[in-house]
Amino acid sequence: MINSVYIHIPFCQHICHYCDFTKFFYNEKSADDYLTALEKEINTQLPGKNNPVKTIFIGGGTPTALSHPQLKRLLELVQEKFNISACEEYTIEANPGDFDKEKAKLLMDYGVNRVSLGVQVFDDAMLAELGRVHRIKDVYKTIDILKQHNLTNISLDLIYALPKQTARHFENTVTEAISFDLPHYSAYSLQIEPKTIFYNRYKKGQLHRPTQEEEVLMYEVLKTKMHKNGKAQYEISNFAEPGFESKHNLTYWNNDYYYGFGAGASGYLPGKRTLNIRPLPAYIKQAMEDGNPILKIDHISLKEQIEEELFLGLRKLEGVNKNDFHQKYGFSYERLYKQQILELKQKGWLVEEGDNIHLTDQGLLFGNEVFSYFLLDKLDLEHVH
């Protein structure tokens, strides 16, 4: 069964300086055309109504940049295609300041039960530097509106290692974020991606980033303050109260299957990963033509699937379970990785506890280096079975 659905809405009222996601300035006609194309794609790829699904995530861009009628149209499409009453988690991404009471009511009426709020930092000057439109007061106002409409399952997203940011400055942001006492928090270090304003400044030497040591300090501040306030770390960048871990993101980290709909969306189906066309006119044209706006299909070999199982699974604090792996692939991961696991344990980056292997605190800091140990030169199926 395909567990999850990701739906991409690529519109923004403003383009942030660091953002590399598929996004376009909001325009009412473009958004109308896009929703028509999206409907065609979903109906072509997934026939029928009321399809069972465990999680739904509407991301962007900024889905709440849509007008009231457009947002209603999108939510009606989702309600028709998927069995919302049996869906465990239905998330929409939003920016502070995008919400009014009517939009909040729409979400409630159509069964959305989780909101992921892109706050990034509690500093108005730094928000302006990032190209964000919202300000701190908008965060308070938005969270208040959501809670008034019983949308209390809110995730707050932060970014750290921002230009000119110090560990002390980031600590202030984390303190203010935690004061809302929300059930879920995510925090990611800033990545300088090509084709962004920040990338251009960085290439010209105009972007002054914190040192690696300062970034490590920020991560330690984050983990300590979250732990002290009852938000348990369950993934490298994610913290939650028990029971409020993101079920949708766990689909990715558990290497489970999911549909991806919309411009630039990726999907993971048995044996293949799909990537949709990114440019808006090209996506709309192809989706309207045949409902199949796929740019490329990568066929996933067993070797790649196993590598991803380890890369993704080790992002979780609980790590990878021996029995789950065996049930999925029919053999033990120790057949492939005995030496690598031994070396990582000797470095102090990996531990074995019960039936799980997972990263240590130090291992979390060297995640990418750890993951490189699990690349396979080749996979001899006869040897591992």
Protein backbone atom coordinates (compact mmCIF):
# COMPACT_ATOMS: atom_id res chain seq x y z
CA MET A 1 0.00 0.00 0.00
CA ILE A 2 1.12 3.58 -0.70
CA ASN A 3 1.14 5.17 2.75
CA SER A 4 1.30 8.87 2.02
CA VAL A 5 0.53 11.68 -0.40
CA TYR A 6 2.52 14.86 -0.98
CA ILE A 7 0.82 17.68 -2.93
CA HIS A 8 2.92 20.67 -4.02
CA ILE A 9 1.47 24.17 -4.29
CA PRO A 10 4.27 26.29 -5.77
CA PHE A 11 2.92 29.81 -5.19
CA CYS A 12 4.41 32.46 -2.91
CA GLN A 13 3.60 36.11 -2.34
CA HIS A 14 7.34 36.69 -2.01
CA ILE A 15 10.44 34.60 -2.83
CA CYS A 16 12.74 34.05 0.17
CA HIS A 17 16.47 34.58 -0.34
CA TYR A 18 17.46 31.03 0.64
CA CYS A 19 14.64 29.00 -0.92
CA ASP A 20 15.41 26.34 -3.53
CA PHE A 21 11.95 24.73 -3.71
CA THR A 22 9.78 24.90 -6.82
CA LYS A 23 8.04 28.24 -6.39
CA PHE A 24 6.52 31.08 -8.43
CA PHE A 25 4.99 34.46 -7.63
CA TYR A 26 1.29 34.10 -6.93
CA ASN A 27 -1.00 35.12 -9.76
CA GLU A 28 -4.72 34.37 -9.63
CA LYS A 29 -5.04 33.04 -13.19
CA SER A 30 -1.87 30.94 -12.95
CA ALA A 31 -3.11 29.44 -9.70
CA ASP A 32 -6.51 28.62 -11.25
CA ASP A 33 -4.80 26.94 -14.23
CA TYR A 34 -2.46 25.09 -11.91
CA LEU A 35 -5.30 23.66 -9.80
CA THR A 36 -7.01 22.41 -12.99
CA ALA A 37 -3.77 20.72 -14.08
CA LEU A 38 -3.18 19.28 -10.61
CA GLU A 39 -6.67 17.80 -10.61
CA LYS A 40 -6.01 16.21 -14.01
CA GLU A 41 -2.71 14.73 -12.80
CA ILE A 42 -4.20 13.28 -9.60
CA ASN A 43 -7.23 11.82 -11.39
CA THR A 44 -4.99 10.24 -14.06
CA GLN A 45 -2.43 8.78 -11.65
CA LEU A 46 -4.92 7.70 -9.02
CA PRO A 47 -8.37 6.74 -10.31
CA GLY A 48 -11.42 6.48 -8.09
CA LYS A 49 -12.53 8.31 -4.97
CA ASN A 50 -12.02 7.95 -1.24
CA ASN A 51 -8.62 6.26 -1.65
CA PRO A 52 -7.17 5.05 1.67
CA VAL A 53 -4.06 6.89 2.83
CA LYS A 54 -2.26 7.26 6.15
CA THR A 55 -0.90 10.81 5.76
CA ILE A 56 -1.43 13.81 3.49
CA PHE A 57 0.97 16.75 3.29
CA ILE A 58 0.23 19.89 1.26
CA GLY A 59 3.49 21.80 0.91
CA GLY A 60 5.04 24.53 -1.14
CA GLY A 61 5.73 27.26 -1.89
CA THR A 62 3.01 28.50 0.36
CA PRO A 63 -0.31 26.65 0.01
CA THR A 64 -2.08 29.33 2.07
CA ALA A 65 -1.03 31.94 -0.53
CA LEU A 66 -4.05 30.70 -2.52
CA SER A 67 -7.23 32.79 -2.39
CA HIS A 68 -10.16 31.56 -0.29
CA PRO A 69 -12.03 30.06 -3.29
CA GLN A 70 -8.82 28.40 -4.57
CA LEU A 71 -7.95 26.95 -1.18
CA LYS A 72 -11.49 25.60 -0.89
CA ARG A 73 -11.21 24.08 -4.37
CA LEU A 74 -7.93 22.36 -3.42
CA LEU A 75 -9.36 20.99 -0.16
CA GLU A 76 -12.47 19.73 -1.98
CA LEU A 77 -10.25 17.86 -4.47
CA VAL A 78 -8.32 16.20 -1.65
CA GLN A 79 -11.53 15.33 0.19
CA GLU A 80 -12.97 13.70 -2.93
CA LYS A 81 -9.85 11.67 -3.78
CA PHE A 82 -8.85 10.46 -0.31
CA ASN A 83 -10.57 8.98 2.72
CA ILE A 84 -10.00 11.89 5.08
CA SER A 85 -11.85 10.30 8.01
CA ALA A 86 -9.35 7.39 8.05
CA CYS A 87 -6.31 9.62 7.44
CA GLU A 88 -4.13 9.76 10.57
CA GLU A 89 -2.36 13.04 9.79
CA TYR A 90 -3.35 15.78 7.33
CA THR A 91 -0.84 18.64 7.28
CA ILE A 92 -0.70 21.93 5.44
CA GLU A 93 2.30 24.27 5.33
CA ALA A 94 1.68 27.92 6.06
CA ASN A 95 3.46 31.18 6.72
CA PRO A 96 2.63 33.43 9.67
CA GLY A 97 0.42 36.27 8.50
CA ASP A 98 -1.19 34.22 5.71
CA PHE A 99 -4.09 33.23 7.93
CA ASP A 100 -7.38 34.84 8.64
CA LYS A 101 -10.29 33.23 10.49
CA GLU A 102 -11.99 32.15 7.24
CA LYS A 103 -8.94 30.19 6.07
CA ALA A 104 -8.55 28.55 9.48
CA LYS A 105 -12.22 27.56 9.40
CA LEU A 106 -11.79 26.11 5.89
CA LEU A 107 -8.97 23.88 7.10
CA MET A 108 -11.03 22.64 10.03
CA ASP A 109 -14.12 22.03 7.88
CA TYR A 110 -12.14 19.88 5.41
CA GLY A 111 -10.36 17.74 7.99
CA VAL A 112 -6.86 19.28 8.09
CA ASN A 113 -5.53 18.39 11.56
CA ARG A 114 -1.95 19.69 11.52
CA VAL A 115 -0.31 22.97 10.46
CA SER A 116 3.41 23.40 9.77
CA LEU A 117 4.32 27.04 10.32
CA GLY A 118 7.44 28.51 8.70
CA VAL A 119 8.66 30.95 11.37
CA GLN A 120 12.46 30.57 10.78
CA VAL A 121 13.73 33.12 13.36
CA PHE A 122 12.36 35.42 16.08
CA ASP A 123 14.14 38.58 14.94
CA ASP A 124 12.44 41.11 12.66
CA ALA A 125 15.68 42.46 11.16
CA MET A 126 16.88 38.95 10.36
CA LEU A 127 13.50 38.01 8.87
CA ALA A 128 13.89 40.99 6.51
CA GLU A 129 17.42 39.76 5.63
CA LEU A 130 15.98 36.36 4.76
CA GLY A 131 13.40 37.96 2.46
CA ARG A 132 10.52 36.88 4.73
CA VAL A 133 7.37 39.01 4.64
CA HIS A 134 6.06 38.14 8.12
CA ARG A 135 7.22 39.65 11.39
CA ILE A 136 7.23 38.32 14.96
CA LYS A 137 3.81 39.80 15.78
CA ASP A 138 2.32 37.76 12.89
CA VAL A 139 3.47 34.52 14.54
CA TYR A 140 1.53 35.36 17.72
CA LYS A 141 -1.54 36.39 15.75
CA THR A 142 -1.50 33.29 13.51
CA ILE A 143 -1.03 30.79 16.34
CA ASP A 144 -3.88 32.49 18.20
CA ILE A 145 -6.22 32.17 15.18
CA LEU A 146 -5.30 28.50 14.70
CA LYS A 147 -5.91 27.66 18.34
CA GLN A 148 -9.27 29.46 18.27
CA HIS A 149 -10.27 27.00 15.53
CA ASN A 150 -9.01 23.95 17.46
CA LEU A 151 -6.00 23.58 15.16
CA THR A 152 -3.63 22.91 18.06
CA ASN A 153 -1.37 20.33 16.38
CA ILE A 154 1.10 22.97 15.17
CA SER A 155 4.70 22.43 14.09
CA LEU A 156 7.00 25.44 14.19
CA ASP A 157 9.97 25.50 11.77
CA LEU A 158 13.24 27.31 12.51
CA ILE A 159 16.47 27.88 10.58
CA TYR A 160 19.86 28.40 12.24
CA ALA A 161 23.43 29.18 11.15
CA LEU A 162 22.01 32.28 9.47
CA PRO A 163 24.29 35.11 8.27
CA LYS A 164 25.81 36.97 11.27
CA GLN A 165 23.88 34.75 13.72
CA THR A 166 25.52 33.72 17.01
CA ALA A 167 24.69 30.85 19.36
CA ARG A 168 23.37 33.39 21.90
CA HIS A 169 21.10 34.92 19.27
CA PHE A 170 19.78 31.50 18.25
CA GLU A 171 19.18 30.62 21.89
CA ASN A 172 16.85 33.64 22.15
CA THR A 173 14.91 32.36 19.11
CA VAL A 174 14.58 28.86 20.59
CA THR A 175 13.45 30.30 23.94
CA GLU A 176 10.70 32.35 22.28
CA ALA A 177 9.66 29.43 20.08
CA ILE A 178 9.33 27.12 23.08
CA SER A 179 7.27 29.72 24.98
CA PHE A 180 4.33 28.75 22.71
CA ASP A 181 4.58 25.19 24.09
CA LEU A 182 3.65 23.61 20.75
CA PRO A 183 3.74 19.83 20.25
CA HIS A 184 6.33 19.82 17.43
CA TYR A 185 9.42 21.79 16.40
CA SER A 186 11.81 21.45 13.44
CA ALA A 187 15.13 23.26 13.10
CA TYR A 188 17.46 23.07 10.09
CA SER A 189 20.84 24.66 9.48
CA LEU A 190 20.89 27.05 6.55
CA GLN A 191 21.98 25.40 3.29
CA ILE A 192 23.24 27.68 0.53
CA GLU A 193 21.54 26.33 -2.59
CA PRO A 194 22.35 27.24 -6.22
CA LYS A 195 19.99 29.65 -8.01
CA THR A 196 19.08 31.48 -4.79
CA ILE A 197 19.80 35.10 -3.82
CA PHE A 198 21.92 33.88 -0.90
CA TYR A 199 24.00 31.72 -3.26
CA ASN A 200 24.79 34.72 -5.47
CA ARG A 201 25.82 36.78 -2.42
CA TYR A 202 27.89 33.89 -1.09
CA LYS A 203 29.79 33.57 -4.41
CA LYS A 204 30.58 37.32 -4.25
CA GLY A 205 31.83 37.04 -0.67
CA GLN A 206 28.93 39.14 0.62
CA LEU A 207 27.34 36.50 2.87
CA HIS A 208 29.01 36.06 6.24
CA ARG A 209 28.12 32.69 7.74
CA PRO A 210 28.84 31.53 11.29
CA THR A 211 31.84 29.25 11.79
CA GLN A 212 31.34 25.49 11.94
CA GLU A 213 32.10 25.61 15.68
CA GLU A 214 29.37 28.21 16.20
CA GLU A 215 26.93 26.08 14.19
CA VAL A 216 27.69 23.05 16.39
CA LEU A 217 27.06 25.23 19.46
CA MET A 218 23.67 26.25 18.04
CA TYR A 219 22.74 22.61 17.52
CA GLU A 220 23.72 21.80 21.11
CA VAL A 221 21.63 24.75 22.37
CA LEU A 222 18.69 23.48 20.35
CA LYS A 223 18.90 19.91 21.69
CA THR A 224 19.39 21.01 25.31
CA LYS A 225 16.52 23.49 25.39
CA MET A 226 14.11 21.15 23.60
CA HIS A 227 14.94 18.32 26.00
CA LYS A 228 14.49 20.56 29.06
CA ASN A 229 11.04 21.55 27.82
CA GLY A 230 9.68 18.06 27.16
CA LYS A 231 10.23 18.00 23.38
CA ALA A 232 12.02 14.73 22.66
CA GLN A 233 14.38 14.57 19.69
CA TYR A 234 13.26 11.79 17.36
CA GLU A 235 15.19 12.75 14.21
CA ILE A 236 18.31 14.82 13.49
CA SER A 237 16.29 18.04 13.04
CA ASN A 238 12.94 17.24 14.68
CA PHE A 239 11.56 17.36 18.22
CA ALA A 240 8.10 16.48 19.54
CA GLU A 241 5.99 15.70 22.53
CA PRO A 242 5.28 11.93 22.68
CA GLY A 243 2.68 10.99 20.05
CA PHE A 244 3.15 14.18 17.99
CA GLU A 245 6.05 13.03 15.81
CA SER A 246 5.38 13.85 12.14
CA LYS A 247 3.85 10.69 10.70
CA HIS A 248 4.28 12.02 7.17
CA ASN A 249 8.00 12.71 7.54
CA LEU A 250 8.42 9.29 9.15
CA THR A 251 7.18 7.88 5.83
CA TYR A 252 10.32 9.34 4.23
CA TRP A 253 12.71 8.25 6.98
CA ASN A 254 11.22 4.74 7.09
CA ASN A 255 11.79 4.50 3.31
CA ASP A 256 8.08 3.83 2.72
CA TYR A 257 6.17 4.61 -0.48
CA TYR A 258 4.38 7.88 -1.22
CA TYR A 259 2.70 9.70 -4.11
CA GLY A 260 4.05 13.09 -5.20
CA PHE A 261 1.69 15.40 -7.10
CA GLY A 262 2.29 18.89 -8.48
CA ALA A 263 5.11 20.85 -10.15
CA GLY A 264 8.54 19.60 -9.08
CA ALA A 265 7.06 17.00 -6.70
CA SER A 266 8.84 13.69 -6.23
CA GLY A 267 7.19 10.36 -5.51
CA TYR A 268 8.44 6.96 -4.39
CA LEU A 269 6.52 3.97 -5.69
CA PRO A 270 7.51 0.28 -5.74
CA GLY A 271 10.76 0.02 -7.71
CA LYS A 272 10.95 3.65 -8.83
CA ARG A 273 11.29 7.28 -7.86
CA THR A 274 9.49 9.89 -9.95
CA LEU A 275 10.20 13.59 -10.40
CA ASN A 276 7.68 15.96 -11.94
CA ILE A 277 8.36 18.81 -14.37
CA ARG A 278 9.28 21.98 -12.43
CA PRO A 279 8.55 25.02 -14.69
CA LEU A 280 4.93 26.06 -14.22
CA PRO A 281 3.85 26.48 -17.87
CA ALA A 282 5.49 23.18 -18.87
CA TYR A 283 3.92 21.33 -15.92
CA ILE A 284 0.45 22.71 -16.69
CA LYS A 285 0.78 21.96 -20.43
CA GLN A 286 1.86 18.32 -19.90
CA ALA A 287 -0.63 17.63 -17.11
CA MET A 288 -3.51 18.96 -19.21
CA GLU A 289 -2.31 16.95 -22.21
CA ASP A 290 -2.13 13.49 -20.65
CA GLY A 291 -2.18 13.81 -16.84
CA ASN A 292 1.39 12.54 -16.73
CA PRO A 293 3.72 15.52 -16.09
CA ILE A 294 6.72 13.39 -15.11
CA LEU A 295 10.19 14.70 -15.95
CA LYS A 296 12.05 11.50 -15.10
CA ILE A 297 11.69 8.07 -13.54
CA ASP A 298 14.61 6.51 -11.67
CA HIS A 299 14.33 2.78 -11.29
CA ILE A 300 15.55 1.83 -7.82
CA SER A 301 17.72 -1.27 -7.56
CA LEU A 302 17.79 -3.41 -4.43
CA LYS A 303 21.28 -2.00 -3.71
CA GLU A 304 19.97 1.61 -3.78
CA GLN A 305 16.91 0.70 -1.72
CA ILE A 306 19.08 -0.83 1.01
CA GLU A 307 21.47 2.16 1.02
CA GLU A 308 18.53 4.53 1.41
CA GLU A 309 17.05 2.34 4.14
CA LEU A 310 20.22 2.96 6.18
CA PHE A 311 20.76 6.65 5.25
CA LEU A 312 17.18 7.59 6.03
CA GLY A 313 16.65 5.27 8.96
CA LEU A 314 19.75 6.51 10.78
CA ARG A 315 18.37 10.06 10.70
CA LYS A 316 15.91 8.84 13.34
CA LEU A 317 17.14 8.79 16.93
CA GLU A 318 15.88 5.21 17.32
CA GLY A 319 17.82 4.26 14.19
CA VAL A 320 17.31 1.09 12.15
CA ASN A 321 15.64 -2.00 13.58
CA LYS A 322 17.26 -5.36 12.79
CA ASN A 323 13.96 -7.27 12.66
CA ASP A 324 12.21 -4.68 10.47
CA PHE A 325 15.12 -4.76 8.02
CA HIS A 326 15.09 -8.57 7.90
CA GLN A 327 11.33 -8.65 7.36
CA LYS A 328 11.62 -6.14 4.50
CA TYR A 329 14.61 -7.66 2.66
CA GLY A 330 14.81 -11.29 3.81
CA PHE A 331 18.32 -11.10 5.25
CA SER A 332 20.22 -9.32 8.03
CA TYR A 333 21.95 -5.98 7.41
CA GLU A 334 24.94 -7.45 9.30
CA ARG A 335 25.62 -9.62 6.22
CA LEU A 336 26.42 -6.42 4.34
CA TYR A 337 27.59 -4.00 6.99
CA LYS A 338 29.31 -5.95 9.77
CA GLN A 339 32.71 -4.28 9.25
CA GLN A 340 31.23 -0.79 8.77
CA ILE A 341 29.16 -1.06 11.95
CA LEU A 342 32.25 -2.21 13.88
CA GLU A 343 34.31 0.76 12.60
CA LEU A 344 31.58 3.28 13.40
CA LYS A 345 31.18 1.83 16.90
CA GLN A 346 34.94 2.17 17.45
CA LYS A 347 34.76 5.84 16.37
CA GLY A 348 31.97 6.41 18.90
CA TRP A 349 29.50 7.43 16.18
CA LEU A 350 27.17 4.41 16.30
CA VAL A 351 25.82 2.14 19.03
CA GLU A 352 23.88 -1.11 19.08
CA GLU A 353 21.07 -1.26 21.62
CA GLY A 354 18.82 -4.29 21.64
CA ASP A 355 17.66 -4.84 18.05
CA ASN A 356 18.52 -1.31 16.88
CA ILE A 357 21.59 0.49 15.60
CA HIS A 358 21.50 4.26 16.00
CA LEU A 359 23.78 7.30 15.93
CA THR A 360 25.37 8.68 19.08
CA ASP A 361 25.29 12.42 19.85
CA GLN A 362 28.66 12.73 18.14
CA GLY A 363 27.44 10.62 15.24
CA LEU A 364 24.57 13.06 14.68
CA LEU A 365 27.11 15.84 14.11
CA PHE A 366 28.91 13.76 11.46
CA GLY A 367 25.77 12.38 9.82
CA ASN A 368 26.89 12.67 6.18
CA GLU A 369 30.23 11.04 6.93
CA VAL A 370 28.46 8.20 8.76
CA PHE A 371 26.06 7.67 5.87
CA SER A 372 28.97 7.32 3.41
CA TYR A 373 29.95 4.11 5.24
CA PHE A 374 26.73 2.49 4.03
CA LEU A 375 27.33 2.97 0.30
CA LEU A 376 27.66 -0.42 -1.38
CA ASP A 377 30.06 -1.05 -4.28
CA LYS A 378 27.80 -3.79 -5.52
CA LEU A 379 25.22 -6.15 -4.12
CA ASP A 380 25.69 -9.85 -4.55
CA LEU A 381 22.22 -11.25 -3.82
CA GLU A 382 23.37 -14.83 -3.68
CA HIS A 383 25.97 -13.90 -1.08
CA VAL A 384 23.61 -12.07 1.30
CA HIS A 385 20.68 -14.48 1.27
